[in-house]
Amino acid sequence: MRTTKNFALILCLLALFIQSCSTTKVYTTVKSQDISQNGILTQPKIANLSIDAKRKINGKSTARAKITNCPTVEEMKHQAEYDALKTNNADVLIEPIFKVTVTDMGKIREITAEVSGYAGTYTEFKDFNALTKDEVESLKAYADFCKENGTPVLKIKTDSEANSSTNPINALKKMMGGKK
């Protein structure tokens, strides 16, 4: 009876030891994709971006794994960004500043990525066709300012089928000094 209890105890300890050596990876990514397939019609949207310049938000991500199985620094930076956005209920991180620490310990590598920046939240989504005359004039003034300073304003991708002069994307491109 006693040897059975000892055997069971040893078996439980062995199971705990084996379980503690397992590796768990959790990756979260945020992706976006341009819609450029034929047959999918979209209308451009304009949104306001609300930025709280008085409050910085932070995010952190740490991974420890074998060097051959360790995530990349870029993956860890994305994880830290995700943590900052999710924790603070934000849509975009403005002016992110990263701190990355990589520590090699023989066959094990630890990567810690930290990020700080300002939280941005998108508000007031509007269809481009629904903009008021004042809003269009503001966009045009902003486009002119950016052209004068050599700053890219907008990168728009369109299908060859969407080249009509009534297309709002082409109207926006024309307003900003681009070609149809």
N, C-alpha and C. Protein backbone atom coordinates (compact mmCIF):
# COMPACT_ATOMS: atom_id res chain seq x y z
N MET A 1 0.82 -1.19 0.00
CA MET A 1 0.00 0.00 0.00
C MET A 1 0.86 1.26 0.00
N ARG A 2 1.90 1.23 0.80
CA ARG A 2 2.78 2.38 0.89
C ARG A 2 3.53 2.61 -0.43
N THR A 3 3.95 1.54 -1.08
CA THR A 3 4.66 1.68 -2.36
C THR A 3 3.73 2.23 -3.43
N THR A 4 2.45 1.94 -3.36
CA THR A 4 1.48 2.48 -4.31
C THR A 4 1.35 3.98 -4.13
N LYS A 5 1.30 4.45 -2.86
CA LYS A 5 1.22 5.89 -2.59
C LYS A 5 2.49 6.60 -3.05
N ASN A 6 3.64 5.98 -2.79
CA ASN A 6 4.91 6.56 -3.25
C ASN A 6 4.96 6.63 -4.77
N PHE A 7 4.50 5.57 -5.42
CA PHE A 7 4.49 5.53 -6.87
C PHE A 7 3.57 6.63 -7.43
N ALA A 8 2.39 6.78 -6.81
CA ALA A 8 1.45 7.81 -7.24
C ALA A 8 2.03 9.20 -7.02
N LEU A 9 2.70 9.42 -5.88
CA LEU A 9 3.32 10.70 -5.61
C LEU A 9 4.42 11.01 -6.62
N ILE A 10 5.24 10.03 -6.90
CA ILE A 10 6.32 10.21 -7.89
C ILE A 10 5.73 10.50 -9.27
N LEU A 11 4.66 9.80 -9.63
CA LEU A 11 4.02 10.01 -10.92
C LEU A 11 3.45 11.42 -11.03
N CYS A 12 2.82 11.92 -9.95
CA CYS A 12 2.28 13.29 -9.94
C CYS A 12 3.39 14.32 -10.06
N LEU A 13 4.48 14.14 -9.32
CA LEU A 13 5.60 15.06 -9.40
C LEU A 13 6.23 15.07 -10.79
N LEU A 14 6.33 13.88 -11.38
CA LEU A 14 6.89 13.77 -12.74
C LEU A 14 5.98 14.50 -13.73
N ALA A 15 4.66 14.35 -13.59
CA ALA A 15 3.72 15.03 -14.48
C ALA A 15 3.83 16.55 -14.34
N LEU A 16 3.96 17.04 -13.11
CA LEU A 16 4.13 18.48 -12.89
C LEU A 16 5.43 18.98 -13.50
N PHE A 17 6.49 18.21 -13.34
CA PHE A 17 7.79 18.59 -13.89
C PHE A 17 7.74 18.67 -15.41
N ILE A 18 7.12 17.69 -16.05
CA ILE A 18 7.03 17.66 -17.50
C ILE A 18 6.17 18.83 -17.99
N GLN A 19 5.06 19.10 -17.29
CA GLN A 19 4.19 20.19 -17.69
C GLN A 19 4.87 21.54 -17.55
N SER A 20 5.72 21.71 -16.55
CA SER A 20 6.37 23.00 -16.35
C SER A 20 7.40 23.30 -17.43
N CYS A 21 7.82 22.31 -18.19
CA CYS A 21 8.81 22.52 -19.25
C CYS A 21 8.16 22.81 -20.60
N SER A 22 6.84 22.80 -20.67
CA SER A 22 6.19 23.02 -21.95
C SER A 22 6.26 24.51 -22.34
N THR A 23 6.18 24.76 -23.64
CA THR A 23 6.24 26.12 -24.16
C THR A 23 4.86 26.51 -24.67
N THR A 24 4.42 27.69 -24.31
CA THR A 24 3.14 28.20 -24.78
C THR A 24 3.41 29.49 -25.54
N LYS A 25 2.87 29.58 -26.75
CA LYS A 25 3.02 30.79 -27.56
C LYS A 25 1.65 31.35 -27.83
N VAL A 26 1.49 32.63 -27.66
CA VAL A 26 0.25 33.32 -28.01
C VAL A 26 0.65 34.52 -28.86
N TYR A 27 0.20 34.53 -30.10
CA TYR A 27 0.48 35.66 -30.98
C TYR A 27 -0.84 36.30 -31.36
N THR A 28 -0.88 37.59 -31.33
CA THR A 28 -2.05 38.34 -31.74
C THR A 28 -1.59 39.33 -32.80
N THR A 29 -2.30 39.37 -33.89
CA THR A 29 -1.91 40.30 -34.94
C THR A 29 -3.09 41.16 -35.32
N VAL A 30 -2.78 42.32 -35.82
CA VAL A 30 -3.78 43.22 -36.36
C VAL A 30 -3.43 43.41 -37.83
N LYS A 31 -4.36 43.09 -38.69
CA LYS A 31 -4.08 43.18 -40.12
C LYS A 31 -5.18 43.97 -40.80
N SER A 32 -4.81 44.57 -41.91
CA SER A 32 -5.79 45.22 -42.77
C SER A 32 -5.47 44.84 -44.20
N GLN A 33 -6.48 44.89 -45.05
CA GLN A 33 -6.25 44.53 -46.43
C GLN A 33 -7.03 45.48 -47.32
N ASP A 34 -6.37 45.95 -48.36
CA ASP A 34 -7.04 46.81 -49.33
C ASP A 34 -8.02 45.97 -50.13
N ILE A 35 -9.16 46.55 -50.45
CA ILE A 35 -10.13 45.86 -51.30
C ILE A 35 -9.84 46.28 -52.72
N SER A 36 -9.37 45.34 -53.52
CA SER A 36 -9.01 45.69 -54.89
C SER A 36 -9.54 44.66 -55.89
N GLN A 37 -10.46 43.81 -55.45
CA GLN A 37 -10.99 42.79 -56.34
C GLN A 37 -12.10 43.40 -57.19
N ASN A 38 -12.23 42.92 -58.43
CA ASN A 38 -13.31 43.38 -59.29
C ASN A 38 -14.64 42.93 -58.70
N GLY A 39 -15.64 43.77 -58.83
CA GLY A 39 -16.96 43.41 -58.35
C GLY A 39 -17.25 43.87 -56.93
N ILE A 40 -16.27 44.35 -56.21
CA ILE A 40 -16.49 44.86 -54.86
C ILE A 40 -16.44 46.38 -54.93
N LEU A 41 -17.56 47.00 -54.70
CA LEU A 41 -17.63 48.45 -54.77
C LEU A 41 -17.59 49.02 -53.37
N THR A 42 -16.74 49.98 -53.16
CA THR A 42 -16.65 50.63 -51.86
C THR A 42 -16.67 52.14 -52.05
N GLN A 43 -17.13 52.83 -51.06
CA GLN A 43 -17.11 54.29 -51.07
C GLN A 43 -16.08 54.73 -50.05
N PRO A 44 -15.26 55.73 -50.39
CA PRO A 44 -14.27 56.19 -49.42
C PRO A 44 -14.94 56.81 -48.20
N LYS A 45 -14.32 56.63 -47.07
CA LYS A 45 -14.83 57.18 -45.81
C LYS A 45 -13.84 58.20 -45.27
N ILE A 46 -14.37 59.18 -44.59
CA ILE A 46 -13.57 60.19 -43.91
C ILE A 46 -13.93 60.07 -42.43
N ALA A 47 -12.93 60.11 -41.55
CA ALA A 47 -13.20 60.03 -40.11
C ALA A 47 -12.35 61.06 -39.38
N ASN A 48 -12.87 61.52 -38.27
CA ASN A 48 -12.08 62.38 -37.40
C ASN A 48 -11.24 61.50 -36.49
N LEU A 49 -10.06 61.97 -36.15
CA LEU A 49 -9.18 61.24 -35.23
C LEU A 49 -9.05 62.08 -33.97
N SER A 50 -9.55 61.54 -32.86
CA SER A 50 -9.48 62.23 -31.58
C SER A 50 -8.23 61.75 -30.85
N ILE A 51 -7.35 62.69 -30.47
CA ILE A 51 -6.09 62.36 -29.80
C ILE A 51 -6.05 63.02 -28.44
N ASP A 52 -5.78 62.23 -27.41
CA ASP A 52 -5.64 62.77 -26.05
C ASP A 52 -4.15 63.06 -25.83
N ALA A 53 -3.74 64.30 -26.09
CA ALA A 53 -2.32 64.67 -26.01
C ALA A 53 -1.83 64.83 -24.58
N LYS A 54 -2.72 64.73 -23.60
CA LYS A 54 -2.31 64.86 -22.21
C LYS A 54 -2.00 63.52 -21.57
N ARG A 55 -2.33 62.43 -22.26
CA ARG A 55 -2.17 61.11 -21.66
C ARG A 55 -1.45 60.17 -22.62
N LYS A 56 -0.31 59.66 -22.16
CA LYS A 56 0.41 58.64 -22.93
C LYS A 56 -0.07 57.27 -22.49
N ILE A 57 -0.12 56.35 -23.46
CA ILE A 57 -0.48 54.97 -23.13
C ILE A 57 0.74 54.08 -23.35
N ASN A 58 0.75 52.94 -22.68
CA ASN A 58 1.89 52.03 -22.74
C ASN A 58 1.42 50.61 -23.01
N GLY A 59 2.32 49.82 -23.60
CA GLY A 59 2.07 48.41 -23.81
C GLY A 59 3.37 47.65 -23.67
N LYS A 60 3.26 46.36 -23.35
CA LYS A 60 4.46 45.55 -23.14
C LYS A 60 4.20 44.12 -23.58
N SER A 61 5.24 43.49 -24.10
CA SER A 61 5.16 42.09 -24.48
C SER A 61 6.51 41.44 -24.21
N THR A 62 6.49 40.25 -23.61
CA THR A 62 7.71 39.53 -23.29
C THR A 62 7.58 38.09 -23.77
N ALA A 63 8.66 37.56 -24.35
CA ALA A 63 8.69 36.16 -24.77
C ALA A 63 10.03 35.56 -24.37
N ARG A 64 10.00 34.33 -23.91
CA ARG A 64 11.21 33.59 -23.58
C ARG A 64 11.07 32.22 -24.23
N ALA A 65 12.04 31.89 -25.09
CA ALA A 65 11.98 30.62 -25.82
C ALA A 65 13.37 30.24 -26.29
N LYS A 66 13.46 29.02 -26.83
CA LYS A 66 14.73 28.61 -27.44
C LYS A 66 15.04 29.57 -28.58
N ILE A 67 16.32 29.83 -28.78
CA ILE A 67 16.73 30.79 -29.81
C ILE A 67 16.18 30.39 -31.18
N THR A 68 16.12 29.09 -31.45
CA THR A 68 15.62 28.63 -32.76
C THR A 68 14.12 28.78 -32.90
N ASN A 69 13.42 29.01 -31.78
CA ASN A 69 11.96 29.06 -31.81
C ASN A 69 11.41 30.38 -31.27
N CYS A 70 12.25 31.38 -31.16
CA CYS A 70 11.87 32.65 -30.54
C CYS A 70 11.21 33.57 -31.57
N PRO A 71 10.20 34.34 -31.17
CA PRO A 71 9.61 35.31 -32.10
C PRO A 71 10.61 36.40 -32.46
N THR A 72 10.34 37.09 -33.55
CA THR A 72 11.23 38.17 -33.98
C THR A 72 10.96 39.44 -33.18
N VAL A 73 11.88 40.38 -33.27
CA VAL A 73 11.72 41.66 -32.60
C VAL A 73 10.49 42.38 -33.15
N GLU A 74 10.28 42.33 -34.45
CA GLU A 74 9.11 42.99 -35.05
C GLU A 74 7.82 42.40 -34.53
N GLU A 75 7.76 41.07 -34.38
CA GLU A 75 6.56 40.44 -33.83
C GLU A 75 6.30 40.92 -32.41
N MET A 76 7.35 41.05 -31.64
CA MET A 76 7.20 41.49 -30.25
C MET A 76 6.77 42.96 -30.19
N LYS A 77 7.26 43.78 -31.12
CA LYS A 77 6.83 45.18 -31.17
C LYS A 77 5.34 45.27 -31.49
N HIS A 78 4.89 44.43 -32.43
CA HIS A 78 3.46 44.41 -32.77
C HIS A 78 2.63 43.96 -31.57
N GLN A 79 3.14 42.98 -30.82
CA GLN A 79 2.44 42.51 -29.63
C GLN A 79 2.32 43.63 -28.59
N ALA A 80 3.38 44.40 -28.42
CA ALA A 80 3.35 45.52 -27.46
C ALA A 80 2.35 46.58 -27.91
N GLU A 81 2.32 46.87 -29.22
CA GLU A 81 1.34 47.82 -29.75
C GLU A 81 -0.08 47.34 -29.50
N TYR A 82 -0.29 46.05 -29.79
CA TYR A 82 -1.60 45.46 -29.57
C TYR A 82 -2.01 45.60 -28.10
N ASP A 83 -1.08 45.32 -27.19
CA ASP A 83 -1.36 45.42 -25.76
C ASP A 83 -1.75 46.86 -25.39
N ALA A 84 -1.02 47.84 -25.90
CA ALA A 84 -1.32 49.24 -25.60
C ALA A 84 -2.70 49.63 -26.12
N LEU A 85 -3.02 49.24 -27.36
CA LEU A 85 -4.30 49.59 -27.95
C LEU A 85 -5.46 48.90 -27.24
N LYS A 86 -5.31 47.61 -27.00
CA LYS A 86 -6.39 46.84 -26.37
C LYS A 86 -6.63 47.29 -24.93
N THR A 87 -5.56 47.47 -24.17
CA THR A 87 -5.67 47.86 -22.76
C THR A 87 -6.33 49.23 -22.62
N ASN A 88 -6.08 50.12 -23.57
CA ASN A 88 -6.56 51.50 -23.45
C ASN A 88 -7.74 51.81 -24.38
N ASN A 89 -8.29 50.78 -25.02
CA ASN A 89 -9.45 50.94 -25.89
C ASN A 89 -9.22 52.02 -26.95
N ALA A 90 -8.08 51.95 -27.62
CA ALA A 90 -7.72 52.93 -28.66
C ALA A 90 -7.73 52.26 -30.03
N ASP A 91 -7.83 53.08 -31.08
CA ASP A 91 -7.82 52.58 -32.45
C ASP A 91 -6.44 52.65 -33.10
N VAL A 92 -5.67 53.66 -32.72
CA VAL A 92 -4.36 53.87 -33.34
C VAL A 92 -3.41 54.45 -32.30
N LEU A 93 -2.14 54.10 -32.43
CA LEU A 93 -1.10 54.62 -31.53
C LEU A 93 -0.33 55.71 -32.26
N ILE A 94 -0.37 56.91 -31.72
CA ILE A 94 0.25 58.07 -32.36
C ILE A 94 1.66 58.25 -31.81
N GLU A 95 2.63 58.45 -32.71
CA GLU A 95 4.03 58.66 -32.35
C GLU A 95 4.56 57.59 -31.39
N PRO A 96 4.49 56.31 -31.79
CA PRO A 96 4.97 55.26 -30.88
C PRO A 96 6.49 55.32 -30.69
N ILE A 97 6.90 55.08 -29.45
CA ILE A 97 8.33 55.00 -29.11
C ILE A 97 8.54 53.61 -28.51
N PHE A 98 9.48 52.86 -29.09
CA PHE A 98 9.72 51.48 -28.68
C PHE A 98 11.01 51.36 -27.87
N LYS A 99 10.98 50.45 -26.93
CA LYS A 99 12.19 50.03 -26.21
C LYS A 99 12.19 48.50 -26.28
N VAL A 100 13.23 47.94 -26.89
CA VAL A 100 13.32 46.49 -27.05
C VAL A 100 14.57 45.99 -26.35
N THR A 101 14.41 44.97 -25.52
CA THR A 101 15.53 44.35 -24.82
C THR A 101 15.61 42.89 -25.24
N VAL A 102 16.78 42.48 -25.73
CA VAL A 102 17.01 41.10 -26.11
C VAL A 102 18.12 40.55 -25.22
N THR A 103 17.81 39.46 -24.52
CA THR A 103 18.77 38.83 -23.61
C THR A 103 18.98 37.39 -24.03
N ASP A 104 20.22 37.05 -24.36
CA ASP A 104 20.55 35.66 -24.69
C ASP A 104 21.13 34.98 -23.46
N MET A 105 20.54 33.82 -23.13
CA MET A 105 20.98 33.03 -21.98
C MET A 105 21.30 31.63 -22.46
N GLY A 106 22.40 31.50 -23.16
CA GLY A 106 22.75 30.18 -23.72
C GLY A 106 21.84 29.86 -24.89
N LYS A 107 21.04 28.80 -24.74
CA LYS A 107 20.12 28.39 -25.80
C LYS A 107 18.76 29.07 -25.69
N ILE A 108 18.59 29.87 -24.67
CA ILE A 108 17.32 30.56 -24.44
C ILE A 108 17.49 32.05 -24.72
N ARG A 109 16.47 32.64 -25.34
CA ARG A 109 16.47 34.08 -25.62
C ARG A 109 15.20 34.68 -25.03
N GLU A 110 15.36 35.85 -24.40
CA GLU A 110 14.20 36.58 -23.88
C GLU A 110 14.14 37.92 -24.60
N ILE A 111 12.98 38.22 -25.14
CA ILE A 111 12.76 39.49 -25.82
C ILE A 111 11.62 40.22 -25.11
N THR A 112 11.88 41.46 -24.74
CA THR A 112 10.86 42.31 -24.14
C THR A 112 10.73 43.56 -24.98
N ALA A 113 9.52 43.84 -25.43
CA ALA A 113 9.24 45.05 -26.20
C ALA A 113 8.26 45.91 -25.41
N GLU A 114 8.60 47.18 -25.27
CA GLU A 114 7.72 48.14 -24.60
C GLU A 114 7.46 49.28 -25.58
N VAL A 115 6.26 49.83 -25.53
CA VAL A 115 5.90 50.93 -26.42
C VAL A 115 5.10 51.97 -25.62
N SER A 116 5.30 53.22 -26.00
CA SER A 116 4.49 54.29 -25.43
C SER A 116 4.14 55.26 -26.56
N GLY A 117 3.02 55.91 -26.41
CA GLY A 117 2.56 56.87 -27.41
C GLY A 117 1.23 57.45 -26.97
N TYR A 118 0.62 58.19 -27.86
CA TYR A 118 -0.66 58.81 -27.58
C TYR A 118 -1.79 57.99 -28.19
N ALA A 119 -2.90 57.88 -27.48
CA ALA A 119 -4.04 57.11 -27.96
C ALA A 119 -4.85 57.93 -28.95
N GLY A 120 -5.19 57.31 -30.07
CA GLY A 120 -6.06 57.93 -31.05
C GLY A 120 -7.31 57.09 -31.23
N THR A 121 -8.45 57.75 -31.32
CA THR A 121 -9.72 57.06 -31.52
C THR A 121 -10.44 57.69 -32.70
N TYR A 122 -10.91 56.86 -33.64
CA TYR A 122 -11.65 57.37 -34.79
C TYR A 122 -13.08 57.69 -34.37
N THR A 123 -13.55 58.85 -34.82
CA THR A 123 -14.92 59.27 -34.52
C THR A 123 -15.55 59.84 -35.78
N GLU A 124 -16.84 59.97 -35.80
CA GLU A 124 -17.61 60.62 -36.86
C GLU A 124 -17.23 60.15 -38.27
N PHE A 125 -17.52 58.90 -38.58
CA PHE A 125 -17.29 58.38 -39.92
C PHE A 125 -18.33 58.98 -40.87
N LYS A 126 -17.84 59.42 -42.05
CA LYS A 126 -18.74 59.99 -43.06
C LYS A 126 -18.36 59.43 -44.43
N ASP A 127 -19.37 59.31 -45.28
CA ASP A 127 -19.11 58.99 -46.68
C ASP A 127 -18.52 60.23 -47.33
N PHE A 128 -17.59 60.02 -48.25
CA PHE A 128 -16.98 61.16 -48.94
C PHE A 128 -18.03 62.01 -49.63
N ASN A 129 -19.04 61.36 -50.22
CA ASN A 129 -20.09 62.10 -50.93
C ASN A 129 -20.92 62.97 -50.01
N ALA A 130 -20.90 62.71 -48.70
CA ALA A 130 -21.74 63.44 -47.75
C ALA A 130 -21.01 64.61 -47.10
N LEU A 131 -19.78 64.90 -47.53
CA LEU A 131 -19.04 66.01 -46.93
C LEU A 131 -19.66 67.35 -47.29
N THR A 132 -19.62 68.27 -46.35
CA THR A 132 -20.11 69.62 -46.61
C THR A 132 -19.08 70.39 -47.42
N LYS A 133 -19.49 71.53 -47.96
CA LYS A 133 -18.57 72.35 -48.75
C LYS A 133 -17.39 72.81 -47.88
N ASP A 134 -17.66 73.17 -46.62
CA ASP A 134 -16.58 73.60 -45.71
C ASP A 134 -15.58 72.47 -45.45
N GLU A 135 -16.09 71.25 -45.30
CA GLU A 135 -15.20 70.12 -45.06
C GLU A 135 -14.31 69.83 -46.27
N VAL A 136 -14.89 69.95 -47.46
CA VAL A 136 -14.11 69.75 -48.69
C VAL A 136 -13.05 70.84 -48.81
N GLU A 137 -13.41 72.09 -48.49
CA GLU A 137 -12.43 73.19 -48.52
C GLU A 137 -11.31 72.96 -47.52
N SER A 138 -11.64 72.44 -46.35
CA SER A 138 -10.61 72.13 -45.34
C SER A 138 -9.66 71.06 -45.85
N LEU A 139 -10.21 70.03 -46.48
CA LEU A 139 -9.37 68.98 -47.06
C LEU A 139 -8.45 69.55 -48.14
N LYS A 140 -9.01 70.42 -48.97
CA LYS A 140 -8.20 71.01 -50.04
C LYS A 140 -7.08 71.87 -49.46
N ALA A 141 -7.38 72.66 -48.42
CA ALA A 141 -6.35 73.49 -47.79
C ALA A 141 -5.26 72.60 -47.18
N TYR A 142 -5.66 71.50 -46.58
CA TYR A 142 -4.68 70.57 -46.00
C TYR A 142 -3.82 69.95 -47.11
N ALA A 143 -4.46 69.58 -48.22
CA ALA A 143 -3.72 69.00 -49.34
C ALA A 143 -2.71 70.00 -49.90
N ASP A 144 -3.12 71.26 -50.04
CA ASP A 144 -2.22 72.30 -50.53
C ASP A 144 -1.03 72.49 -49.58
N PHE A 145 -1.31 72.52 -48.29
CA PHE A 145 -0.25 72.65 -47.29
C PHE A 145 0.74 71.49 -47.41
N CYS A 146 0.23 70.27 -47.55
CA CYS A 146 1.11 69.10 -47.66
C CYS A 146 1.94 69.14 -48.93
N LYS A 147 1.34 69.58 -50.05
CA LYS A 147 2.09 69.67 -51.30
C LYS A 147 3.23 70.68 -51.19
N GLU A 148 2.95 71.80 -50.53
CA GLU A 148 3.98 72.83 -50.37
C GLU A 148 5.14 72.34 -49.50
N ASN A 149 4.86 71.47 -48.57
CA ASN A 149 5.89 70.97 -47.65
C ASN A 149 6.45 69.62 -48.05
N GLY A 150 6.02 69.08 -49.17
CA GLY A 150 6.54 67.80 -49.64
C GLY A 150 6.10 66.62 -48.80
N THR A 151 5.00 66.75 -48.09
CA THR A 151 4.48 65.68 -47.25
C THR A 151 3.43 64.90 -48.02
N PRO A 152 3.52 63.57 -48.04
CA PRO A 152 2.47 62.81 -48.73
C PRO A 152 1.14 62.97 -47.99
N VAL A 153 0.08 63.17 -48.75
CA VAL A 153 -1.23 63.40 -48.16
C VAL A 153 -2.01 62.10 -48.07
N LEU A 154 -2.10 61.42 -49.18
CA LEU A 154 -3.02 60.31 -49.28
C LEU A 154 -2.53 59.36 -50.35
N LYS A 155 -2.60 58.09 -50.09
CA LYS A 155 -2.26 57.10 -51.08
C LYS A 155 -3.54 56.35 -51.42
N ILE A 156 -4.00 56.50 -52.64
CA ILE A 156 -5.28 55.90 -53.03
C ILE A 156 -5.04 54.87 -54.12
N LYS A 157 -5.62 53.70 -53.94
CA LYS A 157 -5.55 52.66 -54.95
C LYS A 157 -6.93 52.50 -55.56
N THR A 158 -6.99 52.46 -56.89
CA THR A 158 -8.28 52.24 -57.54
C THR A 158 -8.11 51.19 -58.62
N ASP A 159 -9.21 50.52 -58.96
CA ASP A 159 -9.21 49.60 -60.09
C ASP A 159 -9.31 50.40 -61.37
N SER A 160 -8.90 49.80 -62.49
CA SER A 160 -8.98 50.51 -63.76
C SER A 160 -10.44 50.78 -64.13
N GLU A 161 -11.38 50.01 -63.60
CA GLU A 161 -12.80 50.22 -63.88
C GLU A 161 -13.34 51.47 -63.19
N ALA A 162 -12.66 51.97 -62.19
CA ALA A 162 -13.19 53.07 -61.37
C ALA A 162 -12.61 54.41 -61.79
N ASN A 163 -12.47 54.66 -63.09
CA ASN A 163 -11.84 55.89 -63.55
C ASN A 163 -12.82 56.96 -64.01
N SER A 164 -14.08 56.85 -63.67
CA SER A 164 -15.04 57.87 -64.11
C SER A 164 -14.81 59.15 -63.32
N SER A 165 -15.18 60.28 -63.92
CA SER A 165 -14.97 61.57 -63.25
C SER A 165 -15.92 61.76 -62.08
N THR A 166 -16.99 60.96 -62.00
CA THR A 166 -17.93 61.08 -60.88
C THR A 166 -17.51 60.23 -59.68
N ASN A 167 -16.49 59.43 -59.85
CA ASN A 167 -16.02 58.58 -58.75
C ASN A 167 -15.45 59.48 -57.66
N PRO A 168 -15.91 59.34 -56.41
CA PRO A 168 -15.41 60.21 -55.34
C PRO A 168 -13.91 60.07 -55.09
N ILE A 169 -13.36 58.91 -55.35
CA ILE A 169 -11.91 58.74 -55.17
C ILE A 169 -11.17 59.62 -56.16
N ASN A 170 -11.63 59.62 -57.41
CA ASN A 170 -10.98 60.47 -58.42
C ASN A 170 -11.18 61.94 -58.12
N ALA A 171 -12.34 62.30 -57.59
CA ALA A 171 -12.56 63.70 -57.22
C ALA A 171 -11.61 64.11 -56.11
N LEU A 172 -11.39 63.24 -55.13
CA LEU A 172 -10.46 63.54 -54.05
C LEU A 172 -9.03 63.64 -54.58
N LYS A 173 -8.65 62.73 -55.48
CA LYS A 173 -7.31 62.78 -56.06
C LYS A 173 -7.11 64.08 -56.85
N LYS A 174 -8.12 64.46 -57.62
CA LYS A 174 -8.02 65.68 -58.42
C LYS A 174 -7.91 66.91 -57.50
N MET A 175 -8.71 66.91 -56.43
CA MET A 175 -8.68 68.01 -55.48
C MET A 175 -7.29 68.16 -54.85
N MET A 176 -6.61 67.03 -54.68
CA MET A 176 -5.29 67.06 -54.03
C MET A 176 -4.16 67.15 -55.03
N GLY A 177 -4.48 67.39 -56.29
CA GLY A 177 -3.46 67.65 -57.29
C GLY A 177 -2.92 66.42 -57.98
N GLY A 178 -3.56 65.28 -57.81
CA GLY A 178 -3.08 64.05 -58.44
C GLY A 178 -3.77 63.84 -59.78
N LYS A 179 -3.34 62.80 -60.48
CA LYS A 179 -3.95 62.44 -61.76
C LYS A 179 -5.16 61.56 -61.51
N LYS A 180 -6.05 61.55 -62.51
CA LYS A 180 -7.20 60.65 -62.46
C LYS A 180 -6.75 59.24 -62.62
